[in-house]
Amino acid sequence: MNPSATPLTELRINTYEDPFLQHQYVCLGHKIAIIRVSLNMSQQELARHIGISRSYLSKLECGTGI
């Protein structure tokens, strides 16, 4: 391994440590939930429609899955 190479684990940025980004994720998730409810869709229906699992959509709506 090249000693000057940065390990992949160091390249990952934990954006949840940044309060501003954490707030943005929560706001985005809330907007997704509001739009979904306004369309009278369940999480399962929306998840199937956009090609993700219902549990992942739930995490997105909570602001923790982004």
N, C-alpha and C. Protein backbone atom coordinates (compact mmCIF):
# COMPACT_ATOMS: atom_id res chain seq x y z
N MET A 1 0.85 -1.19 0.00
CA MET A 1 0.00 0.00 0.00
C MET A 1 0.88 1.24 0.00
N ASN A 2 0.48 2.20 -0.74
CA ASN A 2 1.21 3.46 -0.84
C ASN A 2 1.05 4.22 0.48
N PRO A 3 2.17 4.52 1.16
CA PRO A 3 2.06 5.20 2.46
C PRO A 3 1.42 6.58 2.38
N SER A 4 1.47 7.21 1.20
CA SER A 4 0.87 8.55 1.09
C SER A 4 -0.60 8.49 0.70
N ALA A 5 -1.09 7.29 0.37
CA ALA A 5 -2.50 7.15 -0.01
C ALA A 5 -3.39 7.27 1.22
N THR A 6 -4.51 7.91 1.02
CA THR A 6 -5.48 8.08 2.11
C THR A 6 -6.41 6.88 2.13
N PRO A 7 -6.54 6.20 3.27
CA PRO A 7 -7.49 5.07 3.34
C PRO A 7 -8.91 5.55 3.07
N LEU A 8 -9.70 4.66 2.49
CA LEU A 8 -11.09 5.02 2.16
C LEU A 8 -11.87 5.47 3.38
N THR A 9 -11.58 4.90 4.54
CA THR A 9 -12.32 5.29 5.74
C THR A 9 -12.07 6.75 6.09
N GLU A 10 -10.92 7.27 5.73
CA GLU A 10 -10.64 8.67 6.02
C GLU A 10 -11.29 9.60 5.01
N LEU A 11 -11.65 9.07 3.84
CA LEU A 11 -12.29 9.89 2.82
C LEU A 11 -13.77 10.13 3.13
N ARG A 12 -14.35 9.23 3.90
CA ARG A 12 -15.75 9.40 4.26
C ARG A 12 -15.90 10.56 5.23
N ILE A 13 -16.87 11.38 4.95
CA ILE A 13 -17.14 12.52 5.83
C ILE A 13 -18.45 12.25 6.54
N ASN A 14 -18.41 12.26 7.84
CA ASN A 14 -19.64 12.06 8.59
C ASN A 14 -20.37 13.40 8.67
N THR A 15 -21.28 13.61 7.74
CA THR A 15 -21.98 14.89 7.67
C THR A 15 -22.95 15.07 8.82
N TYR A 16 -23.28 13.99 9.54
CA TYR A 16 -24.18 14.12 10.67
C TYR A 16 -23.53 14.84 11.83
N GLU A 17 -22.21 15.01 11.79
CA GLU A 17 -21.53 15.76 12.84
C GLU A 17 -21.67 17.27 12.63
N ASP A 18 -22.07 17.66 11.44
CA ASP A 18 -22.24 19.08 11.12
C ASP A 18 -23.69 19.46 11.44
N PRO A 19 -23.90 20.30 12.44
CA PRO A 19 -25.28 20.66 12.83
C PRO A 19 -26.10 21.26 11.70
N PHE A 20 -25.47 22.06 10.84
CA PHE A 20 -26.19 22.67 9.73
C PHE A 20 -26.70 21.59 8.78
N LEU A 21 -25.83 20.66 8.40
CA LEU A 21 -26.25 19.60 7.48
C LEU A 21 -27.26 18.67 8.12
N GLN A 22 -27.10 18.40 9.39
CA GLN A 22 -28.05 17.55 10.10
C GLN A 22 -29.44 18.19 10.05
N HIS A 23 -29.50 19.49 10.27
CA HIS A 23 -30.77 20.21 10.20
C HIS A 23 -31.35 20.15 8.78
N GLN A 24 -30.50 20.28 7.77
CA GLN A 24 -30.96 20.22 6.39
C GLN A 24 -31.56 18.85 6.06
N TYR A 25 -30.93 17.78 6.56
CA TYR A 25 -31.45 16.43 6.32
C TYR A 25 -32.83 16.26 6.95
N VAL A 26 -32.99 16.77 8.15
CA VAL A 26 -34.28 16.66 8.83
C VAL A 26 -35.34 17.45 8.06
N CYS A 27 -34.99 18.64 7.60
CA CYS A 27 -35.93 19.46 6.82
C CYS A 27 -36.31 18.78 5.52
N LEU A 28 -35.33 18.20 4.83
CA LEU A 28 -35.60 17.50 3.58
C LEU A 28 -36.53 16.32 3.82
N GLY A 29 -36.25 15.56 4.85
CA GLY A 29 -37.09 14.42 5.19
C GLY A 29 -38.51 14.83 5.51
N HIS A 30 -38.65 15.94 6.23
CA HIS A 30 -39.98 16.45 6.57
C HIS A 30 -40.73 16.86 5.31
N LYS A 31 -40.04 17.48 4.37
CA LYS A 31 -40.68 17.89 3.11
C LYS A 31 -41.13 16.67 2.31
N ILE A 32 -40.30 15.62 2.30
CA ILE A 32 -40.68 14.39 1.60
C ILE A 32 -41.96 13.83 2.21
N ALA A 33 -42.03 13.79 3.53
CA ALA A 33 -43.21 13.26 4.22
C ALA A 33 -44.44 14.10 3.92
N ILE A 34 -44.30 15.42 3.93
CA ILE A 34 -45.44 16.30 3.66
C ILE A 34 -45.97 16.08 2.25
N ILE A 35 -45.07 15.99 1.28
CA ILE A 35 -45.50 15.77 -0.11
C ILE A 35 -46.16 14.41 -0.25
N ARG A 36 -45.57 13.39 0.37
CA ARG A 36 -46.13 12.04 0.30
C ARG A 36 -47.55 12.02 0.86
N VAL A 37 -47.74 12.63 2.02
CA VAL A 37 -49.07 12.66 2.65
C VAL A 37 -50.05 13.47 1.80
N SER A 38 -49.59 14.57 1.22
CA SER A 38 -50.48 15.39 0.38
C SER A 38 -50.92 14.63 -0.87
N LEU A 39 -50.12 13.66 -1.30
CA LEU A 39 -50.48 12.82 -2.44
C LEU A 39 -51.29 11.60 -2.01
N ASN A 40 -51.59 11.54 -0.70
CA ASN A 40 -52.36 10.44 -0.13
C ASN A 40 -51.70 9.09 -0.41
N MET A 41 -50.38 9.04 -0.24
CA MET A 41 -49.63 7.81 -0.49
C MET A 41 -49.07 7.29 0.82
N SER A 42 -49.02 5.99 0.94
CA SER A 42 -48.36 5.37 2.09
C SER A 42 -46.85 5.35 1.80
N GLN A 43 -46.09 5.11 2.85
CA GLN A 43 -44.65 4.97 2.64
C GLN A 43 -44.37 3.81 1.70
N GLN A 44 -45.11 2.73 1.85
CA GLN A 44 -44.90 1.55 1.00
C GLN A 44 -45.16 1.88 -0.47
N GLU A 45 -46.23 2.62 -0.74
CA GLU A 45 -46.56 2.99 -2.12
C GLU A 45 -45.49 3.88 -2.73
N LEU A 46 -45.06 4.91 -2.00
CA LEU A 46 -44.04 5.81 -2.53
C LEU A 46 -42.72 5.08 -2.72
N ALA A 47 -42.35 4.28 -1.75
CA ALA A 47 -41.09 3.54 -1.85
C ALA A 47 -41.09 2.64 -3.08
N ARG A 48 -42.17 1.93 -3.29
CA ARG A 48 -42.28 1.05 -4.47
C ARG A 48 -42.20 1.87 -5.75
N HIS A 49 -42.86 3.02 -5.76
CA HIS A 49 -42.90 3.88 -6.94
C HIS A 49 -41.51 4.41 -7.31
N ILE A 50 -40.69 4.74 -6.31
CA ILE A 50 -39.37 5.31 -6.60
C ILE A 50 -38.25 4.29 -6.52
N GLY A 51 -38.58 3.04 -6.18
CA GLY A 51 -37.61 1.96 -6.24
C GLY A 51 -36.68 1.83 -5.04
N ILE A 52 -37.20 2.15 -3.85
CA ILE A 52 -36.42 1.96 -2.63
C ILE A 52 -37.28 1.19 -1.63
N SER A 53 -36.66 0.73 -0.56
CA SER A 53 -37.43 0.01 0.46
C SER A 53 -38.21 0.99 1.33
N ARG A 54 -39.29 0.49 1.92
CA ARG A 54 -40.09 1.33 2.81
C ARG A 54 -39.28 1.75 4.03
N SER A 55 -38.42 0.87 4.51
CA SER A 55 -37.62 1.21 5.69
C SER A 55 -36.62 2.32 5.37
N TYR A 56 -36.07 2.32 4.15
CA TYR A 56 -35.15 3.39 3.77
C TYR A 56 -35.90 4.71 3.64
N LEU A 57 -37.09 4.67 3.06
CA LEU A 57 -37.90 5.89 2.95
C LEU A 57 -38.21 6.43 4.34
N SER A 58 -38.51 5.56 5.26
CA SER A 58 -38.77 5.98 6.64
C SER A 58 -37.56 6.70 7.22
N LYS A 59 -36.38 6.16 6.99
CA LYS A 59 -35.16 6.80 7.47
C LYS A 59 -34.95 8.15 6.81
N LEU A 60 -35.24 8.23 5.52
CA LEU A 60 -35.12 9.52 4.83
C LEU A 60 -36.06 10.55 5.43
N GLU A 61 -37.30 10.14 5.68
CA GLU A 61 -38.28 11.06 6.25
C GLU A 61 -37.90 11.51 7.66
N CYS A 62 -37.19 10.67 8.37
CA CYS A 62 -36.72 11.04 9.72
C CYS A 62 -35.43 11.85 9.67
N GLY A 63 -34.83 11.94 8.49
CA GLY A 63 -33.58 12.69 8.35
C GLY A 63 -32.35 11.91 8.75
N THR A 64 -32.48 10.60 8.89
CA THR A 64 -31.32 9.81 9.32
C THR A 64 -30.76 8.92 8.23
N GLY A 65 -31.43 8.81 7.10
CA GLY A 65 -30.98 7.87 6.08
C GLY A 65 -30.24 8.48 4.92
N ILE A 66 -29.99 9.76 4.96
CA ILE A 66 -29.36 10.44 3.84
C ILE A 66 -27.86 10.32 3.94
